[in-house]
Protein backbone atom coordinates (compact mmCIF):
# COMPACT_ATOMS: atom_id res chain seq x y z
CA MET A 1 0.00 0.00 0.00
CA ARG A 2 2.79 2.38 0.97
CA GLY A 3 4.58 1.61 -2.33
CA ALA A 4 1.45 2.53 -4.28
CA LEU A 5 1.21 5.87 -2.46
CA ILE A 6 4.85 6.65 -3.20
CA ALA A 7 4.36 5.74 -6.89
CA ALA A 8 1.24 7.93 -7.08
CA ALA A 9 3.07 10.86 -5.46
CA ALA A 10 6.01 10.45 -7.86
CA LEU A 11 3.65 10.30 -10.83
CA ALA A 12 1.85 13.45 -9.65
CA ALA A 13 5.19 15.26 -9.27
CA VAL A 14 6.26 14.26 -12.80
CA ALA A 15 2.87 15.40 -14.18
CA ALA A 16 3.22 18.78 -12.41
CA VAL A 17 6.71 19.29 -13.82
CA LEU A 18 5.58 18.37 -17.34
CA PHE A 19 2.54 20.62 -17.10
CA ARG A 20 4.67 23.55 -15.96
CA TRP A 21 7.25 22.87 -18.68
CA LEU A 22 4.72 22.46 -21.51
CA ALA A 23 2.23 25.16 -20.42
CA PRO A 24 2.47 28.36 -22.48
CA SER A 25 4.09 31.20 -20.62
CA GLU A 26 3.18 34.88 -20.83
CA PRO A 27 5.16 36.82 -23.42
CA ALA A 28 7.74 39.21 -21.94
CA ARG A 29 6.62 42.82 -21.66
CA THR A 30 8.60 45.37 -23.63
CA GLU A 31 7.04 48.46 -21.97
CA PRO A 32 6.76 49.18 -18.28
CA PRO A 33 3.23 48.94 -16.91
CA GLN A 34 1.39 52.28 -16.84
CA SER A 35 -0.29 53.52 -13.74
CA PRO A 36 -4.04 54.09 -13.94
CA ALA A 37 -3.51 57.85 -13.57
CA VAL A 38 -1.72 58.05 -16.94
CA ALA A 39 -4.22 58.41 -19.75
CA ALA A 40 -3.68 56.67 -23.04
CA LYS A 41 -2.69 58.87 -25.95
CA PRO A 42 -5.62 59.57 -28.30
CA GLU A 43 -5.43 58.17 -31.81
CA PRO A 44 -4.79 60.83 -34.48
CA ALA A 45 -7.81 61.57 -36.65
CA PRO A 46 -7.52 60.42 -40.29
CA THR A 47 -6.64 63.18 -42.70
CA PRO A 48 -9.17 63.90 -45.45
CA ALA A 49 -6.43 63.90 -48.11
CA ALA A 50 -5.66 60.22 -47.57
CA ALA A 51 -7.61 58.19 -50.11
CA PRO A 52 -8.32 54.52 -49.47
CA VAL A 53 -6.04 52.14 -51.31
CA PRO A 54 -8.01 50.00 -53.77
CA ALA A 55 -7.94 46.30 -53.00
CA ALA A 56 -5.92 44.08 -55.31
CA PRO A 57 -8.13 42.22 -57.80
CA ALA A 58 -8.92 38.65 -56.83
CA PRO A 59 -7.04 36.08 -58.89
CA GLU A 60 -9.16 34.49 -61.59
CA LYS A 61 -10.22 30.97 -60.82
CA THR A 62 -9.30 28.57 -63.58
CA PRO A 63 -11.37 25.42 -63.79
CA ALA A 64 -9.57 22.22 -62.91
CA PRO A 65 -8.53 20.34 -66.00
CA ALA A 66 -10.99 17.61 -66.92
CA LYS A 67 -9.61 14.16 -66.24
CA GLU A 68 -9.10 12.13 -69.35
CA PRO A 69 -11.13 8.94 -69.56
CA GLY A 70 -9.21 5.86 -68.54
CA THR A 71 -8.31 2.78 -70.52
CA MET A 72 -9.18 -0.87 -69.99
CA VAL A 73 -6.37 -3.25 -70.95
CA PHE A 74 -7.64 -6.73 -71.82
CA PRO A 75 -5.66 -10.01 -71.62
CA ASP A 76 -4.91 -10.00 -75.37
CA GLY A 77 -3.37 -6.50 -75.08
CA SER A 78 -6.31 -4.73 -76.71
CA LYS A 79 -7.48 -1.47 -75.15
CA LEU A 80 -10.89 0.20 -74.90
CA PRO A 81 -12.08 3.29 -73.03
CA ALA A 82 -12.76 2.65 -69.34
CA LEU A 83 -16.42 2.79 -68.36
CA ASN A 84 -18.37 4.53 -65.59
CA GLY A 85 -16.13 7.60 -65.25
CA VAL A 86 -12.97 5.67 -64.37
CA THR A 87 -9.70 7.48 -65.11
CA GLY A 88 -6.27 5.95 -65.51
CA GLU A 89 -5.30 2.60 -66.95
CA VAL A 90 -7.01 -0.51 -65.55
CA LYS A 91 -5.75 -4.03 -66.29
CA VAL A 92 -8.77 -6.31 -66.58
CA ASP A 93 -8.39 -9.35 -64.33
CA TRP A 94 -10.03 -11.93 -66.56
CA GLY A 95 -12.02 -14.88 -65.26
CA VAL A 96 -11.70 -18.57 -66.11
CA ARG A 97 -13.33 -18.57 -69.54
CA PRO A 98 -11.27 -17.82 -72.63
CA PHE A 99 -11.08 -14.13 -73.54
CA THR A 100 -13.26 -13.08 -76.49
CA LYS A 101 -13.52 -9.72 -78.21
CA VAL A 102 -16.05 -7.06 -77.28
CA VAL A 103 -19.17 -6.97 -79.46
CA GLY A 104 -21.21 -4.26 -77.73
CA ILE A 105 -22.05 -2.15 -74.69
CA GLU A 106 -25.10 -2.51 -72.46
CA ASP A 107 -26.59 -0.56 -69.57
CA GLY A 108 -26.67 -2.62 -66.41
CA PRO A 109 -28.23 -2.27 -62.96
CA GLY A 110 -27.34 0.89 -61.04
CA GLY A 111 -26.61 2.81 -64.24
CA TRP A 112 -23.32 0.99 -64.86
CA LYS A 113 -22.20 0.41 -68.42
CA TRP A 114 -20.79 -3.02 -69.36
CA TYR A 115 -18.86 -4.31 -72.37
CA VAL A 116 -20.48 -7.46 -73.82
CA HIS A 117 -18.08 -10.10 -75.19
CA GLU A 118 -18.69 -12.72 -77.89
CA ASN A 119 -19.10 -15.54 -75.34
CA GLY A 120 -21.60 -13.60 -73.20
CA THR A 121 -19.09 -12.47 -70.59
CA ARG A 122 -19.50 -8.88 -69.35
CA SER A 123 -16.66 -6.58 -68.24
CA THR A 124 -16.63 -3.10 -66.74
CA THR A 125 -14.68 -0.72 -64.54
CA ALA A 126 -15.67 1.19 -61.43
CA MET A 127 -14.07 3.35 -58.74
CA ASN A 128 -13.79 1.45 -55.45
CA THR A 129 -13.05 3.03 -52.06
CA MET A 130 -11.33 0.82 -49.53
CA HIS A 131 -9.85 2.08 -46.25
CA GLY A 132 -10.32 5.67 -47.43
CA VAL A 133 -8.39 5.14 -50.67
CA THR A 134 -10.28 5.36 -53.96
CA ALA A 135 -8.85 3.34 -56.85
CA PRO A 136 -10.10 1.98 -60.19
CA MET A 137 -10.99 -1.69 -60.44
CA SER A 138 -12.16 -4.07 -63.15
CA ILE A 139 -15.09 -6.45 -62.86
CA VAL A 140 -15.71 -9.51 -65.04
CA ALA A 141 -19.05 -11.35 -64.94
CA GLU A 142 -19.11 -14.77 -66.62
CA PRO A 143 -22.53 -16.30 -67.30
CA GLU A 144 -23.07 -19.76 -65.90
CA ARG A 145 -25.92 -22.18 -66.23
CA ALA A 146 -27.78 -22.91 -63.04
CA ALA A 147 -26.47 -25.96 -61.22
CA PRO A 148 -28.80 -28.95 -61.20
CA LEU A 149 -30.91 -29.45 -58.10
CA ALA A 150 -29.79 -31.94 -55.54
CA PRO A 151 -31.67 -35.26 -55.72
CA GLY A 152 -34.94 -35.09 -53.79
CA SER A 153 -35.17 -31.28 -53.67
CA GLU A 154 -37.83 -29.15 -55.33
CA PRO A 155 -37.45 -25.80 -57.03
CA GLN A 156 -38.48 -22.84 -54.87
CA THR A 157 -41.48 -20.79 -55.99
CA GLY A 158 -40.21 -17.45 -54.69
CA THR A 159 -42.74 -17.19 -51.85
CA GLY A 160 -40.03 -16.31 -49.37
CA THR A 161 -41.13 -19.02 -46.95
CA GLY A 162 -38.07 -21.21 -47.43
CA PRO A 163 -37.99 -25.01 -47.84
CA LYS A 164 -41.13 -26.97 -47.03
């Protein structure tokens, strides 16, 4: 118990020294303090001949340069404009199907634009924010047939009630 009291007293002393050392001090006075009987000198009145100085004109604001649209680089080395406002060059991380050339563009959910490839694969780009850092990314969606149902199961009707 006595050791704890000594440690607490030592800690308090160190805190007091640090506070005193780190606390801002008053700036040194350059003039002696005036007694209350001495009146302050009145400010001189402005002269009528002094004209106000015109303010300097504000600098003109130039619009920020528009960012150039980015580029998607596909596995075969071909390049197309990046979609959905992405800037910079984005290497498309292709899926497992063979790469095929782009045959069109379609509007997808959420207003995203997608390139449509010969084999039905879709590819696009988007800006992704992760841990406060925004960076371009590529997305590849490969169509797949639905897997067959497990033996003994029935297709769901979409009632939202789950299996019966």
